[in-house]
Protein backbone atom coordinates (compact mmCIF):
# COMPACT_ATOMS: atom_id res chain seq x y z
CA MET A 1 16.18 -13.59 18.83
CA THR A 2 19.11 -12.66 17.46
CA LYS A 3 20.42 -9.15 19.30
CA HIS A 4 21.88 -7.70 15.96
CA ARG A 5 20.20 -5.32 14.00
CA PRO A 6 20.82 -7.14 10.16
CA VAL A 7 22.52 -5.12 7.10
CA PRO A 8 21.21 -5.47 4.14
CA ALA A 9 23.83 -6.20 1.47
CA SER A 10 25.65 -4.19 -1.02
CA LEU A 11 24.78 -4.20 -4.85
CA ASP A 12 28.82 -4.52 -5.38
CA ASP A 13 28.59 -7.94 -4.30
CA PRO A 14 26.93 -10.38 -7.21
CA LEU A 15 25.17 -11.95 -4.76
CA TYR A 16 24.20 -9.46 -3.29
CA TYR A 17 20.31 -10.94 -3.75
CA LEU A 18 21.27 -14.41 -1.79
CA GLU A 19 22.46 -12.31 1.58
CA ASN A 20 19.26 -10.37 1.49
CA MET A 21 17.80 -13.35 1.44
CA ASP A 22 19.89 -15.06 4.25
CA ILE A 23 18.79 -11.89 6.50
CA LEU A 24 14.98 -12.64 5.50
CA VAL A 25 15.11 -16.47 6.16
CA ALA A 26 17.37 -15.72 9.58
CA TRP A 27 14.75 -13.10 10.50
CA VAL A 28 11.67 -15.32 10.29
CA SER A 29 13.54 -18.07 11.83
CA ASP A 30 14.55 -16.22 15.22
CA HIS A 31 11.48 -14.49 15.25
CA HIS A 32 8.74 -16.33 14.56
CA CYS A 33 9.99 -19.80 14.85
CA ASP A 34 7.02 -21.04 16.93
CA LEU A 35 5.10 -20.70 14.40
CA LEU A 36 7.07 -23.02 12.04
CA THR A 37 6.06 -27.13 12.33
CA ALA A 38 9.57 -28.39 12.77
CA GLN A 39 9.37 -29.91 9.44
CA GLU A 40 9.27 -26.44 8.02
CA ARG A 41 12.17 -25.15 10.74
CA ASP A 42 13.99 -28.70 9.38
CA ARG A 43 13.71 -27.08 5.77
CA LEU A 44 14.74 -23.85 6.24
CA THR A 45 17.84 -25.23 8.35
CA ALA A 46 18.65 -27.15 5.33
CA PHE A 47 18.49 -24.06 3.04
CA ALA A 48 20.79 -21.81 5.13
CA GLY A 49 23.08 -25.11 5.02
CA LEU A 50 23.19 -25.13 1.47
CA ASP A 51 26.47 -24.10 -0.66
CA SER A 52 26.62 -20.65 -1.96
CA GLY A 53 25.77 -21.96 -5.83
CA PRO A 54 22.98 -23.87 -4.68
CA ARG A 55 21.74 -21.72 -2.48
CA ALA A 56 21.51 -18.58 -5.06
CA LEU A 57 20.55 -21.05 -7.47
CA LEU A 58 17.60 -21.22 -5.40
CA THR A 59 17.20 -18.23 -4.98
CA ARG A 60 16.48 -17.38 -8.11
CA MET A 61 14.01 -19.21 -9.04
CA VAL A 62 11.83 -18.45 -5.51
CA MET A 63 11.92 -15.37 -6.66
CA ARG A 64 10.81 -16.27 -9.76
CA THR A 65 6.99 -16.12 -10.93
CA GLY A 66 5.10 -20.12 -10.83
CA GLU A 67 6.70 -23.10 -9.59
CA LEU A 68 7.66 -24.82 -13.11
CA PHE A 69 10.94 -24.05 -14.42
CA ARG A 70 12.81 -25.06 -18.13
CA ILE A 71 15.98 -26.07 -17.28
CA ASP A 72 17.70 -24.81 -20.51
CA LYS A 73 16.14 -21.27 -19.38
CA LEU A 74 18.00 -21.21 -15.69
CA ARG A 75 21.09 -19.28 -16.91
CA TYR A 76 22.73 -16.97 -13.92
CA PRO A 77 26.44 -16.74 -14.59
CA GLU A 78 26.86 -14.90 -11.47
CA LEU A 79 26.89 -18.13 -9.99
CA PRO A 80 30.16 -19.28 -8.20
CA VAL A 81 29.40 -23.23 -10.12
CA PRO A 82 27.65 -24.05 -13.05
CA GLU A 83 24.09 -24.24 -13.16
CA ALA A 84 24.00 -27.85 -13.72
CA GLU A 85 26.42 -29.07 -10.33
CA ALA A 86 23.89 -26.45 -8.80
CA LEU A 87 20.60 -27.71 -10.06
CA ASP A 88 21.80 -31.52 -9.17
CA VAL A 89 22.40 -30.69 -5.46
CA LEU A 90 19.09 -28.96 -5.30
CA VAL A 91 17.49 -32.41 -7.00
CA GLN A 92 19.48 -34.53 -3.97
CA ASP A 93 18.16 -32.62 -1.33
CA ASN A 94 14.48 -32.83 -2.88
CA TRP A 95 14.46 -29.33 -3.49
CA LEU A 96 13.26 -30.10 -6.99
CA ASP A 97 10.99 -32.30 -8.93
CA THR A 98 12.60 -33.73 -11.91
CA ALA A 99 9.36 -35.15 -13.74
CA PRO A 100 6.25 -33.22 -12.50
CA ASP A 101 3.21 -34.01 -14.16
CA LEU A 102 2.03 -30.83 -16.16
CA TYR A 103 -1.33 -29.43 -17.21
CA LEU A 104 -2.15 -28.09 -20.78
CA ASP A 105 -1.31 -24.62 -19.62
CA ASP A 106 1.92 -25.11 -18.27
CA LEU A 107 3.35 -26.88 -21.43
CA PHE A 108 2.12 -23.48 -23.39
CA ARG A 109 3.58 -21.30 -20.86
CA LEU A 110 7.00 -23.33 -20.35
CA PHE A 111 7.48 -24.15 -24.82
CA THR A 112 7.46 -21.97 -27.80
CA LEU A 113 4.97 -22.36 -30.77
CA ALA A 114 7.60 -23.83 -32.87
CA GLU A 115 8.09 -26.22 -29.97
CA LEU A 116 4.71 -27.20 -29.84
CA ARG A 117 3.60 -27.41 -33.36
CA PRO A 118 4.88 -30.76 -34.21
CA VAL A 119 3.73 -32.42 -31.14
CA PHE A 120 -0.11 -31.38 -32.10
CA MET A 121 -0.12 -30.41 -35.54
CA PRO A 122 -0.89 -33.99 -36.40
CA TRP A 123 -4.33 -33.91 -34.29
CA LEU A 124 -5.17 -30.39 -35.02
CA GLN A 125 -5.02 -30.93 -39.43
CA ALA A 126 -7.49 -34.09 -38.26
CA GLN A 127 -9.72 -32.10 -36.70
CA GLY A 128 -9.37 -29.69 -39.55
CA TYR A 129 -7.05 -27.00 -38.16
CA ALA A 130 -4.33 -24.88 -40.26
CA LYS A 131 -0.90 -25.46 -39.93
CA THR A 132 -1.12 -21.81 -39.46
CA VAL A 133 -3.40 -21.73 -36.55
CA ARG A 134 -2.05 -19.60 -33.83
CA LYS A 135 -0.53 -20.33 -30.47
CA ALA A 136 -3.94 -19.01 -28.45
CA HIS A 137 -6.13 -20.71 -30.62
CA MET A 138 -4.21 -23.88 -30.60
CA ARG A 139 -4.50 -24.22 -26.91
CA GLU A 140 -8.09 -23.44 -27.24
CA ALA A 141 -8.26 -26.12 -29.55
CA LEU A 142 -6.62 -28.68 -27.02
CA ALA A 143 -8.28 -28.01 -23.90
CA ALA A 144 -11.31 -30.01 -23.92
CA SER A 145 -9.09 -33.21 -25.16
CA PHE A 146 -6.43 -32.87 -23.32
CA SER A 147 -7.36 -31.76 -19.87
CA ASP A 148 -5.40 -34.19 -17.51
CA PRO A 149 -2.03 -33.68 -16.49
CA ARG A 150 0.88 -36.31 -17.64
CA PRO A 151 4.86 -36.11 -17.36
CA LEU A 152 6.70 -34.14 -20.26
CA ARG A 153 8.27 -36.84 -21.52
CA ASP A 154 4.25 -38.38 -22.13
CA TRP A 155 3.54 -34.53 -23.75
CA LEU A 156 6.84 -35.19 -26.04
CA ALA A 157 6.93 -38.09 -26.55
CA GLU A 158 8.25 -37.66 -29.90
CA ASP A 159 10.97 -35.79 -28.94
CA ASP A 160 14.34 -37.34 -28.45
CA HIS A 161 15.82 -34.85 -26.13
CA PRO A 162 12.79 -32.93 -24.77
CA PRO A 163 14.20 -29.94 -22.72
CA GLY A 164 14.01 -31.23 -19.28
CA VAL A 165 11.80 -29.11 -16.75
CA VAL A 166 12.28 -28.89 -12.68
CA GLN A 167 9.11 -27.99 -10.32
CA LEU A 168 9.86 -26.61 -6.92
CA GLN A 169 9.18 -28.34 -3.66
CA ASP A 170 9.12 -26.52 -1.07
CA MET A 171 7.18 -22.83 -2.53
CA ALA A 172 4.29 -22.74 0.20
CA LEU A 173 7.23 -22.97 2.72
CA PHE A 174 8.55 -19.50 1.20
CA ASP A 175 5.11 -18.10 0.95
CA ARG A 176 4.47 -18.85 4.20
CA VAL A 177 8.54 -16.90 5.18
CA ARG A 178 7.73 -14.34 3.19
CA LEU A 179 4.43 -13.38 4.39
CA MET A 180 5.80 -13.09 8.00
CA PHE A 181 8.50 -11.32 7.26
CA PHE A 182 6.33 -8.54 5.12
CA GLY A 183 3.20 -9.20 6.89
CA ASN A 184 1.40 -9.45 3.27
CA LEU A 185 2.21 -11.00 0.27
CA ARG A 186 1.43 -8.40 -2.04
CA GLN A 187 5.14 -7.62 -1.70
CA SER A 188 7.15 -9.75 -3.96
CA TRP A 189 10.54 -11.25 -2.83
CA THR A 190 11.97 -8.39 -5.56
CA ASP A 191 11.09 -5.49 -2.76
CA PHE A 192 13.30 -6.82 -0.59
CA VAL A 193 16.00 -9.06 -1.93
CA LEU A 194 16.56 -7.04 -4.89
CA VAL A 195 16.46 -3.22 -3.21
CA GLU A 196 19.34 -1.44 -2.40
CA LEU A 197 18.17 -1.03 0.72
CA GLY A 198 21.50 0.22 1.92
CA ILE A 199 20.84 3.42 0.53
CA GLN A 200 17.90 4.26 3.06
CA GLN A 201 18.12 4.80 6.43
CA PHE A 202 15.73 3.11 8.96
CA GLU A 203 14.32 4.00 12.66
CA PRO A 204 15.49 1.22 14.65
CA VAL A 205 12.25 -0.10 16.29
CA PRO A 206 12.38 -2.90 19.21
CA PHE A 207 11.25 -6.23 17.60
CA THR A 208 9.67 -8.65 20.63
CA PRO A 209 7.21 -11.53 20.88
CA GLU A 210 4.44 -9.24 21.71
CA SER A 211 4.89 -6.97 19.17
CA ARG A 212 4.50 -9.20 16.47
CA ALA A 213 1.21 -9.65 14.55
CA PHE A 214 1.09 -13.64 14.25
CA GLN A 215 1.01 -14.37 17.69
CA LEU A 216 -0.20 -17.85 16.54
CA ARG A 217 0.31 -20.33 13.64
CA SER A 218 -3.50 -20.30 13.14
CA ASP A 219 -3.03 -16.34 12.55
CA VAL A 220 -0.84 -17.64 9.80
CA ASP A 221 -3.17 -20.11 8.02
CA CYS A 222 -6.09 -17.48 8.98
CA TYR A 223 -4.16 -14.93 6.31
CA LEU A 224 -3.15 -17.70 3.55
CA GLN A 225 -7.22 -18.41 3.74
CA MET A 226 -8.30 -15.11 3.41
CA HIS A 227 -5.29 -14.32 0.61
CA GLN A 228 -6.33 -17.22 -1.16
CA CYS A 229 -10.02 -16.35 -1.11
CA ARG A 230 -8.73 -12.30 -2.33
CA GLU A 231 -7.06 -14.41 -5.32
CA ARG A 232 -9.85 -16.22 -6.30
CA LEU A 233 -11.78 -12.58 -6.27
CA ASP A 234 -9.44 -11.42 -8.44
CA ASN A 235 -9.41 -14.73 -10.75
CA GLY A 236 -13.10 -13.97 -11.50
CA GLU A 237 -14.89 -16.24 -9.31
CA PRO A 238 -18.10 -15.43 -8.29
CA ALA A 239 -18.77 -13.92 -5.19
CA ALA A 240 -20.99 -16.23 -3.85
CA GLU A 241 -18.87 -19.05 -4.40
CA VAL A 242 -15.72 -17.55 -2.46
CA TRP A 243 -17.89 -15.89 0.53
CA PRO A 244 -18.59 -19.33 2.15
CA ALA A 245 -14.55 -19.55 2.21
CA VAL A 246 -14.20 -16.12 3.79
CA PRO A 247 -12.80 -16.84 7.88
CA PRO A 248 -15.10 -15.97 10.79
CA PRO A 249 -14.26 -12.78 12.89
CA VAL A 250 -10.97 -13.04 14.64
CA SER A 251 -9.70 -11.99 17.80
CA ASN A 252 -6.76 -10.72 16.31
CA PRO A 253 -7.33 -6.81 15.68
CA TRP A 254 -4.43 -6.72 13.00
CA LEU A 255 -5.93 -9.51 11.23
CA THR A 256 -9.71 -7.81 11.37
CA SER A 257 -8.62 -4.80 9.90
CA ARG A 258 -7.47 -7.41 6.85
CA ARG A 259 -10.86 -9.34 6.99
CA GLU A 260 -12.72 -5.75 6.53
CA ARG A 261 -10.96 -4.83 3.68
CA LEU A 262 -11.65 -8.31 2.33
CA LEU A 263 -15.30 -7.87 2.93
CA LEU A 264 -14.94 -4.65 0.97
CA GLU A 265 -14.10 -6.33 -1.84
CA LEU A 266 -15.70 -9.17 -1.65
CA GLY A 267 -19.04 -6.98 -1.84
CA ARG A 268 -17.96 -5.20 -4.45
CA GLN A 269 -17.51 -8.16 -6.49
CA ALA A 270 -21.10 -9.16 -5.46
CA ASP A 271 -22.41 -6.17 -6.17
CA ARG A 272 -21.03 -5.94 -9.90
CA GLN A 273 -22.09 -9.76 -10.72
CA GLY A 274 -25.84 -8.79 -9.73
CA GLU A 275 -25.99 -10.27 -6.20
CA GLN A 276 -27.26 -7.49 -4.82
CA GLU A 277 -28.57 -8.96 -1.78
CA LEU A 278 -25.09 -10.83 -1.09
CA ALA A 279 -23.61 -7.81 -1.64
CA LEU A 280 -25.54 -5.83 1.56
CA GLN A 281 -25.34 -9.01 3.47
CA VAL A 282 -20.78 -8.64 3.06
CA TRP A 283 -21.03 -4.85 3.41
CA GLY A 284 -23.17 -5.13 6.54
CA ALA A 285 -20.84 -7.64 8.28
CA SER A 286 -17.68 -4.83 7.72
CA GLN A 287 -16.69 -2.37 9.74
CA HIS A 288 -14.42 -0.72 6.91
CA ARG A 289 -15.23 2.93 7.15
CA GLU A 290 -16.09 2.98 3.21
CA ALA A 291 -18.52 -0.46 3.25
CA ARG A 292 -21.36 1.75 5.12
CA LEU A 293 -21.56 4.29 2.29
CA LYS A 294 -21.91 1.78 -0.86
CA GLN A 295 -24.41 -0.02 1.63
CA LEU A 296 -26.35 2.83 1.60
CA ARG A 297 -25.84 4.03 -2.14
CA LEU A 298 -27.08 0.18 -3.03
CA LEU A 299 -30.00 -0.18 -0.78
CA GLU A 300 -30.84 3.59 -2.81
CA ARG A 301 -30.49 2.06 -6.10
CA MET A 302 -32.50 -1.20 -5.26
CA LYS A 303 -35.24 1.95 -3.88
CA ARG A 304 -35.09 1.06 -0.39
CA PHE A 305 -35.53 4.15 0.84
CA ASP A 306 -36.69 3.65 4.13
CA GLN A 307 -33.97 1.58 5.27
CA ALA A 308 -31.22 3.52 3.61
CA TRP A 309 -32.58 6.89 5.29
CA ARG A 310 -32.70 4.50 9.27
CA LEU A 311 -28.75 3.53 8.11
CA ALA A 312 -28.05 6.96 7.10
CA CYS A 313 -29.68 8.88 10.22
CA GLN A 314 -28.05 6.24 12.71
CA TRP A 315 -24.34 6.82 10.56
CA GLN A 316 -24.70 10.32 10.73
CA ALA A 317 -24.90 10.11 14.60
CA THR A 318 -20.92 8.52 14.76
CA GLU A 319 -17.89 10.26 13.87
CA LEU A 320 -16.92 10.73 10.78
CA SER A 321 -14.22 11.93 7.86
CA ASP A 322 -14.73 14.94 5.84
CA ALA A 323 -15.04 12.86 2.73
CA GLU A 324 -17.34 10.61 4.86
CA ALA A 325 -19.78 13.57 6.05
CA GLN A 326 -19.83 15.07 2.44
CA GLY A 327 -20.58 11.75 0.73
CA LEU A 328 -23.53 11.42 3.69
CA ASP A 329 -24.97 14.61 3.49
CA ARG A 330 -25.28 14.08 -0.66
CA LEU A 331 -27.24 10.88 0.15
CA LEU A 332 -29.15 11.82 2.99
CA LYS A 333 -30.45 15.57 0.60
CA ARG A 334 -31.38 13.08 -1.88
CA LEU A 335 -33.50 10.31 0.28
CA ALA A 336 -35.05 13.33 1.94
CA ALA A 337 -37.25 13.43 -1.26
CA LYS A 338 -37.78 9.80 -1.30
CA VAL A 339 -39.07 9.08 2.34
CA GLY A 340 -40.98 12.57 3.27
CA ALA A 341 -38.28 13.89 5.67
CA HIS A 342 -36.97 17.24 5.99
CA LYS A 343 -33.59 17.27 3.97
CA PRO A 344 -30.43 18.14 6.62
CA VAL A 345 -29.72 21.84 7.45
CA ALA A 346 -26.76 22.31 4.86
CA VAL A 347 -23.03 22.90 6.71
CA ASP A 348 -23.02 26.74 6.66
CA ASN A 349 -19.29 26.69 4.99
CA PRO A 350 -17.78 29.60 4.95
CA GLU A 351 -16.94 31.81 2.11
CA LEU A 352 -13.25 31.21 1.08
CA ALA A 353 -10.96 34.10 0.85
CA GLU A 354 -9.54 34.84 -2.76
CA PHE A 355 -7.28 37.31 -4.99
CA ALA A 356 -6.44 37.14 -8.20
CA LEU A 357 -3.25 37.79 -9.98
CA ALA A 358 -2.12 38.73 -13.72
CA LEU A 359 1.72 37.49 -14.13
CA PRO A 360 3.58 37.28 -17.46
CA ARG A 361 3.30 34.08 -19.18
CA SER A 362 6.19 32.05 -17.81
CA GLU A 363 7.94 29.78 -20.34
CA THR A 364 9.73 27.04 -17.84
CA GLY A 365 8.30 27.21 -14.45
CA THR A 366 4.54 26.40 -12.84
CA VAL A 367 2.19 28.85 -12.45
CA GLU A 368 2.98 28.05 -8.53
CA ARG A 369 6.58 28.96 -8.77
CA ALA A 370 5.34 32.27 -11.02
CA ALA A 371 3.26 33.54 -8.31
CA LEU A 372 6.30 32.50 -5.32
CA THR A 373 8.55 34.49 -7.36
CA HIS A 374 6.01 37.63 -7.47
CA LEU A 375 4.41 37.47 -3.85
CA SER A 376 8.12 36.56 -2.03
CA THR A 377 10.15 39.22 -0.60
CA ASP A 378 12.46 39.92 2.24
CA GLU A 379 10.27 40.95 4.71
CA ALA A 380 7.30 38.03 3.57
CA PRO A 381 9.29 35.13 2.52
CA VAL A 382 6.99 32.50 0.36
CA PHE A 383 8.29 28.66 0.22
CA TYR A 384 6.43 26.02 -2.34
CA THR A 385 5.30 23.31 0.31
CA GLU A 386 2.16 21.85 -0.32
CA ASN A 387 2.05 18.42 1.86
CA THR A 388 5.07 18.27 3.13
CA LEU A 389 5.54 21.09 5.82
CA ILE A 390 2.74 20.81 8.21
CA ASN A 391 3.11 16.96 7.67
CA ALA A 392 7.02 17.17 8.61
CA LEU A 393 6.09 19.23 11.59
CA PHE A 394 3.86 16.63 13.08
CA GLY A 395 6.03 13.98 12.39
CA LEU A 396 8.48 14.97 13.80
CA LEU A 397 6.84 15.93 16.69
CA CYS A 398 5.47 12.59 16.50
CA TRP A 399 7.99 10.10 15.94
CA PRO A 400 8.37 8.22 19.19
CA VAL A 401 4.54 7.44 18.52
CA ILE A 402 3.95 6.91 14.94
CA PHE A 403 7.83 4.20 15.60
CA ARG A 404 6.20 2.41 18.81
CA PRO A 405 5.90 -1.55 18.34
CA LEU A 406 2.59 -2.02 18.62
CA PRO A 407 1.13 -5.51 17.17
CA GLY A 408 1.25 -5.28 13.54
CA ALA A 409 3.14 -2.02 13.31
CA PHE A 410 6.51 -3.51 12.11
CA PHE A 411 7.49 -6.87 10.63
CA HIS A 412 10.77 -6.31 9.84
CA PRO A 413 13.86 -3.55 10.45
CA PHE A 414 13.65 -2.28 6.92
CA HIS A 415 10.04 -0.60 7.60
CA THR A 416 9.98 3.41 6.01
CA GLY A 417 6.61 3.49 9.00
CA PRO A 418 3.86 1.51 10.30
CA VAL A 419 2.27 -0.85 7.93
CA ASP A 420 -0.98 -0.27 10.15
CA LEU A 421 -0.59 3.97 9.52
CA LEU A 422 -3.47 3.70 7.08
CA ARG A 423 -5.71 1.56 9.27
CA ASP A 424 -8.53 2.80 10.72
CA ASP A 425 -7.58 1.68 14.55
CA PHE A 426 -4.31 3.47 14.02
CA VAL A 427 -4.88 6.28 16.08
CA ALA A 428 -7.10 4.46 18.54
CA ARG A 429 -4.09 2.22 19.39
CA ARG A 430 -1.91 4.84 20.11
CA GLN A 431 -4.44 7.84 21.56
CA GLN A 432 -3.08 8.20 24.89
CA ALA A 433 0.70 8.44 23.37
CA PHE A 434 -0.48 11.37 20.69
CA GLU A 435 -2.36 13.05 23.43
CA GLU A 436 0.72 13.60 25.76
CA ARG A 437 3.08 14.82 22.20
CA PHE A 438 -0.12 17.28 21.69
CA SER A 439 0.47 18.24 25.06
CA LEU A 440 3.79 19.91 24.33
CA LEU A 441 2.11 22.19 22.17
CA GLU A 442 0.48 23.69 25.23
CA THR A 443 4.31 24.87 26.43
CA ARG A 444 7.11 26.23 24.77
CA ALA A 445 8.59 22.06 24.73
CA TYR A 446 7.36 21.75 21.42
CA ARG A 447 9.94 23.83 19.57
CA GLN A 448 12.56 22.28 20.94
CA VAL A 449 11.44 18.41 20.47
CA ILE A 450 10.73 19.53 16.55
CA LEU A 451 14.30 20.82 16.24
CA GLU A 452 16.11 18.19 18.09
CA THR A 453 14.36 15.30 16.28
CA PHE A 454 15.19 17.33 12.81
CA ARG A 455 18.97 17.09 14.17
CA GLN A 456 19.16 13.47 15.38
CA LYS A 457 16.61 11.97 12.71
CA GLN A 458 18.02 13.98 9.65
CA GLY A 459 17.54 11.29 6.79
CA ILE A 460 15.45 8.27 8.62
CA ALA A 461 12.91 7.70 6.54
CA ASN A 462 9.55 8.55 8.11
CA PRO A 463 6.29 8.47 6.42
CA PHE A 464 4.98 12.07 6.92
CA VAL A 465 8.74 13.64 6.21
CA VAL A 466 10.32 13.86 2.98
CA TRP A 467 13.78 15.20 4.34
CA PRO A 468 15.18 16.79 0.98
CA VAL A 469 12.41 20.06 1.10
CA LEU A 470 13.22 20.57 4.40
CA ASP A 471 15.73 22.42 6.42
CA GLU A 472 16.28 23.80 10.12
CA ALA A 473 16.20 27.50 8.91
CA LEU A 474 12.46 26.98 6.84
CA LEU A 475 11.69 24.62 10.05
CA THR A 476 12.45 27.50 12.86
CA LEU A 477 10.69 30.16 10.64
CA ALA A 478 7.58 27.99 10.77
CA LEU A 479 7.66 27.64 14.12
CA ASP A 480 8.38 31.23 15.26
CA CYS A 481 5.56 31.96 12.78
CA ILE A 482 2.87 29.43 13.09
CA PRO A 483 0.73 29.47 16.57
CA ALA A 484 0.80 26.10 18.50
CA ARG A 485 -3.01 26.38 18.65
CA HIS A 486 -3.18 26.21 15.02
CA LEU A 487 -0.41 23.01 14.68
CA GLN A 488 -2.96 21.43 17.30
CA ALA A 489 -6.01 21.86 15.00
CA LEU A 490 -3.71 20.76 11.76
CA PHE A 491 -2.44 17.75 13.60
CA ARG A 492 -5.85 16.40 14.85
CA ARG A 493 -7.38 16.78 11.74
CA LEU A 494 -4.75 15.37 10.01
CA LEU A 495 -5.05 12.19 12.49
CA ASN A 496 -9.19 12.30 11.37
CA ASN A 497 -8.01 10.48 8.53
CA ILE A 498 -4.56 10.02 7.58
CA ARG A 499 -4.85 8.30 4.13
CA GLU A 500 -7.55 11.85 3.00
CA HIS A 501 -6.00 14.45 5.12
CA ARG A 502 -2.31 14.33 4.09
CA SER A 503 -2.76 15.61 0.77
CA GLY A 504 -4.34 19.27 -0.40
CA PHE A 505 -2.29 21.15 1.51
CA PRO A 506 -2.15 24.85 0.21
CA ASP A 507 0.63 25.00 -2.31
CA LEU A 508 2.58 27.72 -0.64
CA ILE A 509 3.23 29.65 2.71
CA ARG A 510 4.18 32.87 3.22
CA PHE A 511 5.36 33.91 6.52
CA VAL A 512 5.33 37.25 7.87
CA PRO A 513 7.32 37.63 11.23
CA ASP A 514 6.85 41.22 12.25
CA ALA A 515 3.55 40.90 11.96
CA PRO A 516 1.72 42.43 15.47
CA ASP A 517 -1.26 39.62 15.25
CA PRO A 518 0.97 36.49 16.06
CA GLU A 519 -1.93 34.47 14.30
CA GLN A 520 -1.30 36.28 11.17
CA ARG A 521 2.49 35.92 10.75
CA TYR A 522 1.66 33.10 8.15
CA GLU A 523 -0.89 32.12 5.56
CA MET A 524 -1.16 29.22 2.98
CA ILE A 525 -1.90 30.00 -0.45
CA GLU A 526 -3.29 27.73 -2.95
CA VAL A 527 -3.15 28.48 -6.70
CA LYS A 528 -4.95 28.07 -9.19
CA GLY A 529 -4.13 28.75 -13.13
CA PRO A 530 -6.18 29.29 -15.83
CA GLY A 531 -8.40 26.17 -16.60
CA ASP A 532 -7.75 24.90 -13.32
CA ARG A 533 -10.30 24.31 -10.35
CA LEU A 534 -9.93 23.39 -6.27
CA GLN A 535 -10.67 19.74 -5.63
CA ASP A 536 -12.95 18.19 -3.00
CA HIS A 537 -10.29 17.67 -0.64
CA GLN A 538 -8.49 20.85 -1.37
CA ILE A 539 -11.87 22.63 -0.42
CA ARG A 540 -12.53 20.96 2.56
CA TRP A 541 -9.14 22.09 3.74
CA LEU A 542 -10.35 25.25 3.16
CA HIS A 543 -13.41 25.21 4.75
CA PHE A 544 -11.06 23.56 7.87
CA PHE A 545 -8.94 26.64 8.01
CA ALA A 546 -11.73 29.23 7.75
CA ARG A 547 -13.43 27.57 10.59
CA GLN A 548 -10.33 27.40 12.55
CA GLY A 549 -9.24 30.96 11.99
CA ILE A 550 -6.02 29.36 9.91
CA PRO A 551 -5.43 32.37 7.40
CA ALA A 552 -5.55 30.69 3.70
CA TRP A 553 -6.44 32.20 0.61
CA VAL A 554 -6.80 31.06 -2.88
CA CYS A 555 -4.83 32.35 -5.71
CA TYR A 556 -6.42 32.44 -8.96
CA VAL A 557 -3.81 33.52 -12.07
CA ARG A 558 -4.04 34.78 -15.24
CA TRP A 559 -1.69 34.99 -17.95
CA GLN A 560 -1.56 38.97 -18.97
CA GLY A 561 -2.69 39.49 -22.42
CA SER A 562 -4.60 36.07 -22.34
CA GLY A 563 -7.82 37.10 -20.68
CA ASP A 564 -7.74 33.84 -18.85
CA ARG A 565 -8.49 32.91 -15.37
CA ALA A 566 -9.16 29.91 -13.52
């Protein structure tokens, strides 16, 4: 394993993308060597051994879409050698095939209408097509009669000098390398190779064999199999045909979460395609939190009210996020009437605290800024923080937990946060570590920890911290005014559903440091202008604040003289 931390290339270097590609390939070769076959290791060694010109051209081709390329379209002036010379090396070393078989779709993707018309017009005219037939219609007309692949020279036999076409030979290997580096195939090569990574600072996370998501080559194969299933769904294949290709349940927790998401999407597709029984089967096999509600709603649409009611009542006894509880509550109310049961007792949500302001119309600023200017005083300053302040306090307190090197959390040194952040088991895998950090809130230690982390980690990427909106004075004021009990309640709710609860915080926060009651030294204020209304996730936060005794208001603003109010 390499001991040094790789340093990304500078954009000042015209071959910066090659240097970043070298970093990527070297990282996978070092950290995932045991997951590669001997042949794959040899090919990566051969890649590293190429001169910069051929290696850069090969990198450019790997980064592009598809595996087929016209030689006359490969123009990269930054190469240190002519393209033809680099191509000769790549052909000689078997990186490229100079005589690939092409399907009709390949031909139409690579060549223009003007280039194809002389080849196919005699046949088309014999079938009654006009000379002005468009390219798409030409391809459709030819599809049935020209379905077999053939070399380019057979397609363009009448052209004395057809432009050459080459095909990449090792794209499957490069895709495997990309997967092991990123941890997914959603990200393209350009997400790393063409990015100026040096402009961002990353938390150094130890990368050990134990922290890898892929422990076995079969893990990589399983992911690739699931990716193929997802591509087939995206290409419109019937869900019933894709379902048998889905891998069985696996013991790898990280792969399990990917499989749950695949099943969620497969169920969606089955439902859309009228395969309702299959959708129920697939969603029933998935532990994804969204699958449960979708299963119940489908049962309701199928008028299987008794079955839906039994499942809903079982689900109600489990731990739910606010959004799940809200969706389930609405469903149970509808189902109760269908099965002759009593409607569930409505949640007694507290009244929201509100006040109204009539302000001069702002010509340039927002309604939030107008309210801030009006409400802020020297004794009670107001800040526009929305979703940033509470998230940042959490991120700073829990920094070592967020960047804990667990399997499947980090794949390379350039992550802005753990890739499992929004997974259902993110908290469960770190529960004890979070509890240890929250225990600091029971003493005065948390203040020093947060401020020291702010100073030491300044500018380092963290998914909860937006550095440009923070300064030490704001953090200190927040720590002076927000009780530790409130912070703990806010942080625990945040962890209940990070995807949902990272947003929805009120726009403004007002600090009142000299207030006699320590729990009233701040208040959060959601501002709504004319025509605006509270969204569901904002309402859920406001109800939570009220239940916890956290001071919060909804401020309805109208412009003076307009009579409008939200």
